[in-house]
Every structure is written in C-alpha cells, then in structure tokens.
Amino acid sequence: LKATDVPVVAFSVGEEELRGVDAKPLVGHLAAWNYFESIKNPVNEAFI
C-alpha cells in the first residue's frame, strides 16, 4: 500500500519511531508535527 495509492498521515510517528522500521516501503507517507529534525536553521543544527 503505497503513499501514491492511499497516503497515511500520522500524528504520533516521528523520527524516533521510524528508527525501528525499514522506512523504504513507507516513502511518501506523511506525518504532521511542529518540528522535524530535517529543518535547516542554526538553532536546530546546534540542538542536533
């Protein structure tokens, strides 16, 4: 079930939960949050 067929948007799945999963089949599925690790700015880079 690919994201192009039926997209899933999750509210409790983030980077930590995906550490335990092979993410390749999940490419394109979605999550909504107020922060992602991938956001680029100096404050986030220092935090990481």
ModelCIF file with pLDDT and N, C-alpha, C, O atoms, coordinates in Angstrom:
data_MODEL
#
_entry.id   MODEL 
#
_entity.id                         1 
_entity.type                       polymer 
_entity.pdbx_number_of_molecules   1 
#
_entity_poly.entity_id                      1 
_entity_poly.type                           'polypeptide(L)' 
_entity_poly.nstd_linkage                   no 
_entity_poly.nstd_monomer                   no 
_entity_poly.pdbx_seq_one_letter_code       LKATDVPVVAFSVGEEELRGVDAKPLVGHLAAWNYFESIKNPVNEAFI 
_entity_poly.pdbx_seq_one_letter_code_can   LKATDVPVVAFSVGEEELRGVDAKPLVGHLAAWNYFESIKNPVNEAFI 
_entity_poly.pdbx_strand_id                 A 
#
loop_
_entity_poly_seq.entity_id 
_entity_poly_seq.num 
_entity_poly_seq.mon_id 
_entity_poly_seq.hetero 
1 1  LEU n 
1 2  LYS n 
1 3  ALA n 
1 4  THR n 
1 5  ASP n 
1 6  VAL n 
1 7  PRO n 
1 8  VAL n 
1 9  VAL n 
1 10 ALA n 
1 11 PHE n 
1 12 SER n 
1 13 VAL n 
1 14 GLY n 
1 15 GLU n 
1 16 GLU n 
1 17 GLU n 
1 18 LEU n 
1 19 ARG n 
1 20 GLY n 
1 21 VAL n 
1 22 ASP n 
1 23 ALA n 
1 24 LYS n 
1 25 PRO n 
1 26 LEU n 
1 27 VAL n 
1 28 GLY n 
1 29 HIS n 
1 30 LEU n 
1 31 ALA n 
1 32 ALA n 
1 33 TRP n 
1 34 ASN n 
1 35 TYR n 
1 36 PHE n 
1 37 GLU n 
1 38 SER n 
1 39 ILE n 
1 40 LYS n 
1 41 ASN n 
1 42 PRO n 
1 43 VAL n 
1 44 ASN n 
1 45 GLU n 
1 46 ALA n 
1 47 PHE n 
1 48 ILE n 
#
_struct_asym.id          A 
_struct_asym.entity_id   1 
#
loop_
_ma_qa_metric.id 
_ma_qa_metric.mode 
_ma_qa_metric.name 
_ma_qa_metric.software_group_id 
_ma_qa_metric.type 
1 global pLDDT . pLDDT 
2 local  pLDDT . pLDDT 
#
_ma_qa_metric_global.metric_id      1 
_ma_qa_metric_global.metric_value   93.31 
_ma_qa_metric_global.model_id       1 
_ma_qa_metric_global.ordinal_id     1 
#
loop_
_ma_qa_metric_local.label_asym_id 
_ma_qa_metric_local.label_comp_id 
_ma_qa_metric_local.label_seq_id 
_ma_qa_metric_local.metric_id 
_ma_qa_metric_local.metric_value 
_ma_qa_metric_local.model_id 
_ma_qa_metric_local.ordinal_id 
A LEU 1  2 90.00 1 1  
A LYS 2  2 91.00 1 2  
A ALA 3  2 94.00 1 3  
A THR 4  2 93.00 1 4  
A ASP 5  2 92.00 1 5  
A VAL 6  2 96.00 1 6  
A PRO 7  2 96.00 1 7  
A VAL 8  2 96.00 1 8  
A VAL 9  2 97.00 1 9  
A ALA 10 2 95.00 1 10 
A PHE 11 2 94.00 1 11 
A SER 12 2 90.00 1 12 
A VAL 13 2 91.00 1 13 
A GLY 14 2 93.00 1 14 
A GLU 15 2 95.00 1 15 
A GLU 16 2 91.00 1 16 
A GLU 17 2 86.00 1 17 
A LEU 18 2 89.00 1 18 
A ARG 19 2 86.00 1 19 
A GLY 20 2 73.00 1 20 
A VAL 21 2 80.00 1 21 
A ASP 22 2 83.00 1 22 
A ALA 23 2 89.00 1 23 
A LYS 24 2 88.00 1 24 
A PRO 25 2 84.00 1 25 
A LEU 26 2 88.00 1 26 
A VAL 27 2 93.00 1 27 
A GLY 28 2 95.00 1 28 
A HIS 29 2 95.00 1 29 
A LEU 30 2 97.00 1 30 
A ALA 31 2 97.00 1 31 
A ALA 32 2 97.00 1 32 
A TRP 33 2 97.00 1 33 
A ASN 34 2 98.00 1 34 
A TYR 35 2 98.00 1 35 
A PHE 36 2 98.00 1 36 
A GLU 37 2 98.00 1 37 
A SER 38 2 97.00 1 38 
A ILE 39 2 98.00 1 39 
A LYS 40 2 97.00 1 40 
A ASN 41 2 98.00 1 41 
A PRO 42 2 98.00 1 42 
A VAL 43 2 98.00 1 43 
A ASN 44 2 98.00 1 44 
A GLU 45 2 98.00 1 45 
A ALA 46 2 98.00 1 46 
A PHE 47 2 98.00 1 47 
A ILE 48 2 98.00 1 48 
#
loop_
_atom_site.group_PDB 
_atom_site.id 
_atom_site.type_symbol 
_atom_site.label_atom_id 
_atom_site.label_alt_id 
_atom_site.label_comp_id 
_atom_site.label_asym_id 
_atom_site.label_entity_id 
_atom_site.label_seq_id 
_atom_site.pdbx_PDB_ins_code 
_atom_site.Cartn_x 
_atom_site.Cartn_y 
_atom_site.Cartn_z 
_atom_site.occupancy 
_atom_site.B_iso_or_equiv 
_atom_site.pdbx_formal_charge 
_atom_site.auth_seq_id 
_atom_site.auth_comp_id 
_atom_site.auth_asym_id 
_atom_site.auth_atom_id 
_atom_site.pdbx_PDB_model_num 
ATOM 1   N N  . LEU A 1 1  ? 0.851  -1.188 0.000  1.00 90.00 ? 1  LEU A N  1 
ATOM 2   C CA . LEU A 1 1  ? 0.000  0.000  0.000  1.00 90.00 ? 1  LEU A CA 1 
ATOM 3   C C  . LEU A 1 1  ? 0.888  1.240  0.000  1.00 90.00 ? 1  LEU A C  1 
ATOM 4   O O  . LEU A 1 1  ? 1.388  1.664  1.042  1.00 90.00 ? 1  LEU A O  1 
ATOM 5   N N  . LYS A 1 2  ? 1.072  1.806  -1.179 1.00 91.00 ? 2  LYS A N  1 
ATOM 6   C CA . LYS A 1 2  ? 1.995  2.937  -1.326 1.00 91.00 ? 2  LYS A CA 1 
ATOM 7   C C  . LYS A 1 2  ? 1.290  4.261  -1.039 1.00 91.00 ? 2  LYS A C  1 
ATOM 8   O O  . LYS A 1 2  ? 0.063  4.352  -1.076 1.00 91.00 ? 2  LYS A O  1 
ATOM 9   N N  . ALA A 1 3  ? 2.093  5.278  -0.754 1.00 94.00 ? 3  ALA A N  1 
ATOM 10  C CA . ALA A 1 3  ? 1.552  6.609  -0.473 1.00 94.00 ? 3  ALA A CA 1 
ATOM 11  C C  . ALA A 1 3  ? 0.809  7.179  -1.672 1.00 94.00 ? 3  ALA A C  1 
ATOM 12  O O  . ALA A 1 3  ? -0.120 7.970  -1.513 1.00 94.00 ? 3  ALA A O  1 
ATOM 13  N N  . THR A 1 4  ? 1.213  6.781  -2.859 1.00 93.00 ? 4  THR A N  1 
ATOM 14  C CA . THR A 1 4  ? 0.516  7.261  -4.073 1.00 93.00 ? 4  THR A CA 1 
ATOM 15  C C  . THR A 1 4  ? -0.873 6.644  -4.192 1.00 93.00 ? 4  THR A C  1 
ATOM 16  O O  . THR A 1 4  ? -1.748 7.206  -4.851 1.00 93.00 ? 4  THR A O  1 
ATOM 17  N N  . ASP A 1 5  ? -1.082 5.476  -3.551 1.00 92.00 ? 5  ASP A N  1 
ATOM 18  C CA . ASP A 1 5  ? -2.406 4.826  -3.579 1.00 92.00 ? 5  ASP A CA 1 
ATOM 19  C C  . ASP A 1 5  ? -3.286 5.371  -2.454 1.00 92.00 ? 5  ASP A C  1 
ATOM 20  O O  . ASP A 1 5  ? -4.347 5.946  -2.695 1.00 92.00 ? 5  ASP A O  1 
ATOM 21  N N  . VAL A 1 6  ? -2.820 5.176  -1.223 1.00 96.00 ? 6  VAL A N  1 
ATOM 22  C CA . VAL A 1 6  ? -3.553 5.626  -0.035 1.00 96.00 ? 6  VAL A CA 1 
ATOM 23  C C  . VAL A 1 6  ? -2.555 6.269  0.919  1.00 96.00 ? 6  VAL A C  1 
ATOM 24  O O  . VAL A 1 6  ? -1.885 5.561  1.671  1.00 96.00 ? 6  VAL A O  1 
ATOM 25  N N  . PRO A 1 7  ? -2.442 7.597  0.906  1.00 96.00 ? 7  PRO A N  1 
ATOM 26  C CA . PRO A 1 7  ? -1.492 8.232  1.816  1.00 96.00 ? 7  PRO A CA 1 
ATOM 27  C C  . PRO A 1 7  ? -1.955 8.117  3.269  1.00 96.00 ? 7  PRO A C  1 
ATOM 28  O O  . PRO A 1 7  ? -3.142 8.238  3.574  1.00 96.00 ? 7  PRO A O  1 
ATOM 29  N N  . VAL A 1 8  ? -0.986 7.880  4.153  1.00 96.00 ? 8  VAL A N  1 
ATOM 30  C CA . VAL A 1 8  ? -1.245 7.855  5.595  1.00 96.00 ? 8  VAL A CA 1 
ATOM 31  C C  . VAL A 1 8  ? -0.582 9.081  6.193  1.00 96.00 ? 8  VAL A C  1 
ATOM 32  O O  . VAL A 1 8  ? 0.602  9.329  5.967  1.00 96.00 ? 8  VAL A O  1 
ATOM 33  N N  . VAL A 1 9  ? -1.355 9.856  6.966  1.00 97.00 ? 9  VAL A N  1 
ATOM 34  C CA . VAL A 1 9  ? -0.745 10.939 7.750  1.00 97.00 ? 9  VAL A CA 1 
ATOM 35  C C  . VAL A 1 9  ? -0.846 10.557 9.218  1.00 97.00 ? 9  VAL A C  1 
ATOM 36  O O  . VAL A 1 9  ? -1.923 10.231 9.716  1.00 97.00 ? 9  VAL A O  1 
ATOM 37  N N  . ALA A 1 10 ? 0.293  10.601 9.906  1.00 95.00 ? 10 ALA A N  1 
ATOM 38  C CA . ALA A 1 10 ? 0.347  10.180 11.308 1.00 95.00 ? 10 ALA A CA 1 
ATOM 39  C C  . ALA A 1 10 ? 0.629  11.370 12.204 1.00 95.00 ? 10 ALA A C  1 
ATOM 40  O O  . ALA A 1 10 ? 1.308  12.318 11.810 1.00 95.00 ? 10 ALA A O  1 
ATOM 41  N N  . PHE A 1 11 ? 0.090  11.307 13.432 1.00 94.00 ? 11 PHE A N  1 
ATOM 42  C CA . PHE A 1 11 ? 0.295  12.371 14.410 1.00 94.00 ? 11 PHE A CA 1 
ATOM 43  C C  . PHE A 1 11 ? 1.192  11.918 15.562 1.00 94.00 ? 11 PHE A C  1 
ATOM 44  O O  . PHE A 1 11 ? 1.556  12.725 16.418 1.00 94.00 ? 11 PHE A O  1 
ATOM 45  N N  . SER A 1 12 ? 1.550  10.629 15.589 1.00 90.00 ? 12 SER A N  1 
ATOM 46  C CA . SER A 1 12 ? 2.393  10.131 16.680 1.00 90.00 ? 12 SER A CA 1 
ATOM 47  C C  . SER A 1 12 ? 3.567  9.314  16.151 1.00 90.00 ? 12 SER A C  1 
ATOM 48  O O  . SER A 1 12 ? 4.143  8.498  16.871 1.00 90.00 ? 12 SER A O  1 
ATOM 49  N N  . VAL A 1 13 ? 3.912  9.540  14.894 1.00 91.00 ? 13 VAL A N  1 
ATOM 50  C CA . VAL A 1 13 ? 5.070  8.871  14.299 1.00 91.00 ? 13 VAL A CA 1 
ATOM 51  C C  . VAL A 1 13 ? 6.079  9.931  13.909 1.00 91.00 ? 13 VAL A C  1 
ATOM 52  O O  . VAL A 1 13 ? 5.813  10.810 13.090 1.00 91.00 ? 13 VAL A O  1 
ATOM 53  N N  . GLY A 1 14 ? 7.239  9.821  14.519 1.00 93.00 ? 14 GLY A N  1 
ATOM 54  C CA . GLY A 1 14 ? 8.315  10.745 14.180 1.00 93.00 ? 14 GLY A CA 1 
ATOM 55  C C  . GLY A 1 14 ? 9.590  9.977  13.917 1.00 93.00 ? 14 GLY A C  1 
ATOM 56  O O  . GLY A 1 14 ? 9.579  8.766  13.695 1.00 93.00 ? 14 GLY A O  1 
ATOM 57  N N  . GLU A 1 15 ? 10.679 10.704 13.947 1.00 95.00 ? 15 GLU A N  1 
ATOM 58  C CA . GLU A 1 15 ? 11.971 10.125 13.633 1.00 95.00 ? 15 GLU A CA 1 
ATOM 59  C C  . GLU A 1 15 ? 12.335 8.971  14.564 1.00 95.00 ? 15 GLU A C  1 
ATOM 60  O O  . GLU A 1 15 ? 12.937 7.989  14.128 1.00 95.00 ? 15 GLU A O  1 
ATOM 61  N N  . GLU A 1 16 ? 11.972 9.084  15.845 1.00 91.00 ? 16 GLU A N  1 
ATOM 62  C CA . GLU A 1 16 ? 12.322 8.049  16.829 1.00 91.00 ? 16 GLU A CA 1 
ATOM 63  C C  . GLU A 1 16 ? 11.610 6.732  16.520 1.00 91.00 ? 16 GLU A C  1 
ATOM 64  O O  . GLU A 1 16 ? 12.227 5.668  16.557 1.00 91.00 ? 16 GLU A O  1 
ATOM 65  N N  . GLU A 1 17 ? 10.307 6.803  16.215 1.00 86.00 ? 17 GLU A N  1 
ATOM 66  C CA . GLU A 1 17 ? 9.542  5.588  15.921 1.00 86.00 ? 17 GLU A CA 1 
ATOM 67  C C  . GLU A 1 17 ? 10.028 4.922  14.634 1.00 86.00 ? 17 GLU A C  1 
ATOM 68  O O  . GLU A 1 17 ? 10.003 3.697  14.519 1.00 86.00 ? 17 GLU A O  1 
ATOM 69  N N  . LEU A 1 18 ? 10.470 5.730  13.669 1.00 89.00 ? 18 LEU A N  1 
ATOM 70  C CA . LEU A 1 18 ? 10.911 5.180  12.378 1.00 89.00 ? 18 LEU A CA 1 
ATOM 71  C C  . LEU A 1 18 ? 12.299 4.555  12.449 1.00 89.00 ? 18 LEU A C  1 
ATOM 72  O O  . LEU A 1 18 ? 12.724 3.869  11.519 1.00 89.00 ? 18 LEU A O  1 
ATOM 73  N N  . ARG A 1 19 ? 13.006 4.791  13.553 1.00 86.00 ? 19 ARG A N  1 
ATOM 74  C CA . ARG A 1 19 ? 14.325 4.161  13.711 1.00 86.00 ? 19 ARG A CA 1 
ATOM 75  C C  . ARG A 1 19 ? 14.215 2.638  13.716 1.00 86.00 ? 19 ARG A C  1 
ATOM 76  O O  . ARG A 1 19 ? 15.151 1.946  13.318 1.00 86.00 ? 19 ARG A O  1 
ATOM 77  N N  . GLY A 1 20 ? 13.074 2.116  14.166 1.00 73.00 ? 20 GLY A N  1 
ATOM 78  C CA . GLY A 1 20 ? 12.915 0.663  14.284 1.00 73.00 ? 20 GLY A CA 1 
ATOM 79  C C  . GLY A 1 20 ? 12.262 0.008  13.082 1.00 73.00 ? 20 GLY A C  1 
ATOM 80  O O  . GLY A 1 20 ? 11.880 -1.160 13.149 1.00 73.00 ? 20 GLY A O  1 
ATOM 81  N N  . VAL A 1 21 ? 12.128 0.737  11.987 1.00 80.00 ? 21 VAL A N  1 
ATOM 82  C CA . VAL A 1 21 ? 11.401 0.236  10.827 1.00 80.00 ? 21 VAL A CA 1 
ATOM 83  C C  . VAL A 1 21 ? 12.252 0.430  9.572  1.00 80.00 ? 21 VAL A C  1 
ATOM 84  O O  . VAL A 1 21 ? 13.019 1.387  9.473  1.00 80.00 ? 21 VAL A O  1 
ATOM 85  N N  . ASP A 1 22 ? 12.106 -0.497 8.610  1.00 83.00 ? 22 ASP A N  1 
ATOM 86  C CA . ASP A 1 22 ? 12.674 -0.255 7.278  1.00 83.00 ? 22 ASP A CA 1 
ATOM 87  C C  . ASP A 1 22 ? 11.769 0.773  6.606  1.00 83.00 ? 22 ASP A C  1 
ATOM 88  O O  . ASP A 1 22 ? 10.643 0.457  6.222  1.00 83.00 ? 22 ASP A O  1 
ATOM 89  N N  . ALA A 1 23 ? 12.259 1.995  6.466  1.00 89.00 ? 23 ALA A N  1 
ATOM 90  C CA . ALA A 1 23 ? 11.405 3.094  6.002  1.00 89.00 ? 23 ALA A CA 1 
ATOM 91  C C  . ALA A 1 23 ? 11.184 3.102  4.485  1.00 89.00 ? 23 ALA A C  1 
ATOM 92  O O  . ALA A 1 23 ? 10.350 3.859  3.989  1.00 89.00 ? 23 ALA A O  1 
ATOM 93  N N  . LYS A 1 24 ? 11.913 2.279  3.757  1.00 88.00 ? 24 LYS A N  1 
ATOM 94  C CA . LYS A 1 24 ? 11.824 2.342  2.283  1.00 88.00 ? 24 LYS A CA 1 
ATOM 95  C C  . LYS A 1 24 ? 10.398 2.124  1.751  1.00 88.00 ? 24 LYS A C  1 
ATOM 96  O O  . LYS A 1 24 ? 9.967  2.865  0.867  1.00 88.00 ? 24 LYS A O  1 
ATOM 97  N N  . PRO A 1 25 ? 9.643  1.114  2.270  1.00 84.00 ? 25 PRO A N  1 
ATOM 98  C CA . PRO A 1 25 ? 8.271  0.944  1.762  1.00 84.00 ? 25 PRO A CA 1 
ATOM 99  C C  . PRO A 1 25 ? 7.323  2.076  2.177  1.00 84.00 ? 25 PRO A C  1 
ATOM 100 O O  . PRO A 1 25 ? 6.211  2.172  1.658  1.00 84.00 ? 25 PRO A O  1 
ATOM 101 N N  . LEU A 1 26 ? 7.755  2.925  3.103  1.00 88.00 ? 26 LEU A N  1 
ATOM 102 C CA . LEU A 1 26 ? 6.885  3.974  3.646  1.00 88.00 ? 26 LEU A CA 1 
ATOM 103 C C  . LEU A 1 26 ? 7.135  5.331  3.004  1.00 88.00 ? 26 LEU A C  1 
ATOM 104 O O  . LEU A 1 26 ? 6.517  6.328  3.376  1.00 88.00 ? 26 LEU A O  1 
ATOM 105 N N  . VAL A 1 27 ? 8.039  5.361  2.044  1.00 93.00 ? 27 VAL A N  1 
ATOM 106 C CA . VAL A 1 27 ? 8.403  6.636  1.408  1.00 93.00 ? 27 VAL A CA 1 
ATOM 107 C C  . VAL A 1 27 ? 7.149  7.324  0.862  1.00 93.00 ? 27 VAL A C  1 
ATOM 108 O O  . VAL A 1 27 ? 6.345  6.708  0.162  1.00 93.00 ? 27 VAL A O  1 
ATOM 109 N N  . GLY A 1 28 ? 6.997  8.596  1.188  1.00 95.00 ? 28 GLY A N  1 
ATOM 110 C CA . GLY A 1 28 ? 5.860  9.374  0.693  1.00 95.00 ? 28 GLY A CA 1 
ATOM 111 C C  . GLY A 1 28 ? 4.703  9.463  1.664  1.00 95.00 ? 28 GLY A C  1 
ATOM 112 O O  . GLY A 1 28 ? 3.886  10.378 1.564  1.00 95.00 ? 28 GLY A O  1 
ATOM 113 N N  . HIS A 1 29 ? 4.613  8.513  2.620  1.00 95.00 ? 29 HIS A N  1 
ATOM 114 C CA . HIS A 1 29 ? 3.602  8.663  3.663  1.00 95.00 ? 29 HIS A CA 1 
ATOM 115 C C  . HIS A 1 29 ? 3.978  9.869  4.525  1.00 95.00 ? 29 HIS A C  1 
ATOM 116 O O  . HIS A 1 29 ? 5.125  10.317 4.517  1.00 95.00 ? 29 HIS A O  1 
ATOM 117 N N  . LEU A 1 30 ? 3.005  10.383 5.263  1.00 97.00 ? 30 LEU A N  1 
ATOM 118 C CA . LEU A 1 30 ? 3.143  11.710 5.865  1.00 97.00 ? 30 LEU A CA 1 
ATOM 119 C C  . LEU A 1 30 ? 3.078  11.692 7.390  1.00 97.00 ? 30 LEU A C  1 
ATOM 120 O O  . LEU A 1 30 ? 2.535  10.768 7.996  1.00 97.00 ? 30 LEU A O  1 
ATOM 121 N N  . ALA A 1 31 ? 3.635  12.718 7.983  1.00 97.00 ? 31 ALA A N  1 
ATOM 122 C CA . ALA A 1 31 ? 3.427  12.993 9.413  1.00 97.00 ? 31 ALA A CA 1 
ATOM 123 C C  . ALA A 1 31 ? 3.269  14.493 9.569  1.00 97.00 ? 31 ALA A C  1 
ATOM 124 O O  . ALA A 1 31 ? 3.882  15.273 8.839  1.00 97.00 ? 31 ALA A O  1 
ATOM 125 N N  . ALA A 1 32 ? 2.446  14.888 10.521 1.00 97.00 ? 32 ALA A N  1 
ATOM 126 C CA . ALA A 1 32 ? 2.257  16.314 10.823 1.00 97.00 ? 32 ALA A CA 1 
ATOM 127 C C  . ALA A 1 32 ? 2.775  16.568 12.225 1.00 97.00 ? 32 ALA A C  1 
ATOM 128 O O  . ALA A 1 32 ? 2.367  15.915 13.185 1.00 97.00 ? 32 ALA A O  1 
ATOM 129 N N  . TRP A 1 33 ? 3.680  17.529 12.325 1.00 97.00 ? 33 TRP A N  1 
ATOM 130 C CA . TRP A 1 33 ? 4.267  17.898 13.609 1.00 97.00 ? 33 TRP A CA 1 
ATOM 131 C C  . TRP A 1 33 ? 4.537  19.406 13.606 1.00 97.00 ? 33 TRP A C  1 
ATOM 132 O O  . TRP A 1 33 ? 4.173  20.120 12.671 1.00 97.00 ? 33 TRP A O  1 
ATOM 133 N N  . ASN A 1 34 ? 5.178  19.861 14.667 1.00 98.00 ? 34 ASN A N  1 
ATOM 134 C CA . ASN A 1 34 ? 5.579  21.273 14.762 1.00 98.00 ? 34 ASN A CA 1 
ATOM 135 C C  . ASN A 1 34 ? 7.092  21.430 14.636 1.00 98.00 ? 34 ASN A C  1 
ATOM 136 O O  . ASN A 1 34 ? 7.630  22.531 14.751 1.00 98.00 ? 34 ASN A O  1 
ATOM 137 N N  . TYR A 1 35 ? 7.767  20.298 14.395 1.00 98.00 ? 35 TYR A N  1 
ATOM 138 C CA . TYR A 1 35 ? 9.229  20.282 14.263 1.00 98.00 ? 35 TYR A CA 1 
ATOM 139 C C  . TYR A 1 35 ? 9.629  18.991 13.570 1.00 98.00 ? 35 TYR A C  1 
ATOM 140 O O  . TYR A 1 35 ? 9.038  17.938 13.810 1.00 98.00 ? 35 TYR A O  1 
ATOM 141 N N  . PHE A 1 36 ? 10.635 19.077 12.711 1.00 98.00 ? 36 PHE A N  1 
ATOM 142 C CA . PHE A 1 36 ? 11.315 17.896 12.177 1.00 98.00 ? 36 PHE A CA 1 
ATOM 143 C C  . PHE A 1 36 ? 12.820 18.088 12.330 1.00 98.00 ? 36 PHE A C  1 
ATOM 144 O O  . PHE A 1 36 ? 13.322 19.212 12.305 1.00 98.00 ? 36 PHE A O  1 
ATOM 145 N N  . GLU A 1 37 ? 13.527 16.978 12.489 1.00 98.00 ? 37 GLU A N  1 
ATOM 146 C CA . GLU A 1 37 ? 14.989 17.062 12.579 1.00 98.00 ? 37 GLU A CA 1 
ATOM 147 C C  . GLU A 1 37 ? 15.586 17.674 11.312 1.00 98.00 ? 37 GLU A C  1 
ATOM 148 O O  . GLU A 1 37 ? 16.613 18.350 11.369 1.00 98.00 ? 37 GLU A O  1 
ATOM 149 N N  . SER A 1 38 ? 14.939 17.435 10.170 1.00 97.00 ? 38 SER A N  1 
ATOM 150 C CA . SER A 1 38 ? 15.488 17.859 8.876  1.00 97.00 ? 38 SER A CA 1 
ATOM 151 C C  . SER A 1 38 ? 15.364 19.356 8.606  1.00 97.00 ? 38 SER A C  1 
ATOM 152 O O  . SER A 1 38 ? 15.882 19.840 7.600  1.00 97.00 ? 38 SER A O  1 
ATOM 153 N N  . ILE A 1 39 ? 14.684 20.105 9.491  1.00 98.00 ? 39 ILE A N  1 
ATOM 154 C CA . ILE A 1 39 ? 14.555 21.557 9.311  1.00 98.00 ? 39 ILE A CA 1 
ATOM 155 C C  . ILE A 1 39 ? 15.930 22.203 9.431  1.00 98.00 ? 39 ILE A C  1 
ATOM 156 O O  . ILE A 1 39 ? 16.687 21.930 10.363 1.00 98.00 ? 39 ILE A O  1 
ATOM 157 N N  . LYS A 1 40 ? 16.233 23.067 8.463  1.00 97.00 ? 40 LYS A N  1 
ATOM 158 C CA . LYS A 1 40 ? 17.562 23.685 8.419  1.00 97.00 ? 40 LYS A CA 1 
ATOM 159 C C  . LYS A 1 40 ? 17.532 25.091 9.026  1.00 97.00 ? 40 LYS A C  1 
ATOM 160 O O  . LYS A 1 40 ? 16.891 25.997 8.494  1.00 97.00 ? 40 LYS A O  1 
ATOM 161 N N  . ASN A 1 41 ? 18.229 25.251 10.138 1.00 98.00 ? 41 ASN A N  1 
ATOM 162 C CA . ASN A 1 41 ? 18.479 26.566 10.725 1.00 98.00 ? 41 ASN A CA 1 
ATOM 163 C C  . ASN A 1 41 ? 19.556 26.397 11.783 1.00 98.00 ? 41 ASN A C  1 
ATOM 164 O O  . ASN A 1 41 ? 19.746 25.289 12.286 1.00 98.00 ? 41 ASN A O  1 
ATOM 165 N N  . PRO A 1 42 ? 20.270 27.465 12.138 1.00 98.00 ? 42 PRO A N  1 
ATOM 166 C CA . PRO A 1 42 ? 21.396 27.337 13.078 1.00 98.00 ? 42 PRO A CA 1 
ATOM 167 C C  . PRO A 1 42 ? 21.004 26.802 14.459 1.00 98.00 ? 42 PRO A C  1 
ATOM 168 O O  . PRO A 1 42 ? 21.761 26.042 15.063 1.00 98.00 ? 42 PRO A O  1 
ATOM 169 N N  . VAL A 1 43 ? 19.826 27.193 14.961 1.00 98.00 ? 43 VAL A N  1 
ATOM 170 C CA . VAL A 1 43 ? 19.400 26.728 16.297 1.00 98.00 ? 43 VAL A CA 1 
ATOM 171 C C  . VAL A 1 43 ? 19.187 25.213 16.279 1.00 98.00 ? 43 VAL A C  1 
ATOM 172 O O  . VAL A 1 43 ? 19.574 24.513 17.215 1.00 98.00 ? 43 VAL A O  1 
ATOM 173 N N  . ASN A 1 44 ? 18.566 24.713 15.199 1.00 98.00 ? 44 ASN A N  1 
ATOM 174 C CA . ASN A 1 44 ? 18.333 23.278 15.101 1.00 98.00 ? 44 ASN A CA 1 
ATOM 175 C C  . ASN A 1 44 ? 19.636 22.502 14.914 1.00 98.00 ? 44 ASN A C  1 
ATOM 176 O O  . ASN A 1 44 ? 19.819 21.430 15.492 1.00 98.00 ? 44 ASN A O  1 
ATOM 177 N N  . GLU A 1 45 ? 20.521 23.043 14.117 1.00 98.00 ? 45 GLU A N  1 
ATOM 178 C CA . GLU A 1 45 ? 21.816 22.373 13.919 1.00 98.00 ? 45 GLU A CA 1 
ATOM 179 C C  . GLU A 1 45 ? 22.556 22.224 15.250 1.00 98.00 ? 45 GLU A C  1 
ATOM 180 O O  . GLU A 1 45 ? 23.146 21.179 15.524 1.00 98.00 ? 45 GLU A O  1 
ATOM 181 N N  . ALA A 1 46 ? 22.520 23.269 16.069 1.00 98.00 ? 46 ALA A N  1 
ATOM 182 C CA . ALA A 1 46 ? 23.176 23.219 17.385 1.00 98.00 ? 46 ALA A CA 1 
ATOM 183 C C  . ALA A 1 46 ? 22.474 22.206 18.298 1.00 98.00 ? 46 ALA A C  1 
ATOM 184 O O  . ALA A 1 46 ? 23.130 21.462 19.026 1.00 98.00 ? 46 ALA A O  1 
ATOM 185 N N  . PHE A 1 47 ? 21.133 22.184 18.252 1.00 98.00 ? 47 PHE A N  1 
ATOM 186 C CA . PHE A 1 47 ? 20.334 21.257 19.061 1.00 98.00 ? 47 PHE A CA 1 
ATOM 187 C C  . PHE A 1 47 ? 20.680 19.805 18.707 1.00 98.00 ? 47 PHE A C  1 
ATOM 188 O O  . PHE A 1 47 ? 20.884 18.977 19.595 1.00 98.00 ? 47 PHE A O  1 
ATOM 189 N N  . ILE A 1 48 ? 20.743 19.510 17.427 1.00 98.00 ? 48 ILE A N  1 
ATOM 190 C CA . ILE A 1 48 ? 21.054 18.148 16.963 1.00 98.00 ? 48 ILE A CA 1 
ATOM 191 C C  . ILE A 1 48 ? 22.461 17.745 17.404 1.00 98.00 ? 48 ILE A C  1 
ATOM 192 O O  . ILE A 1 48 ? 22.906 16.635 17.110 1.00 98.00 ? 48 ILE A O  1 
#
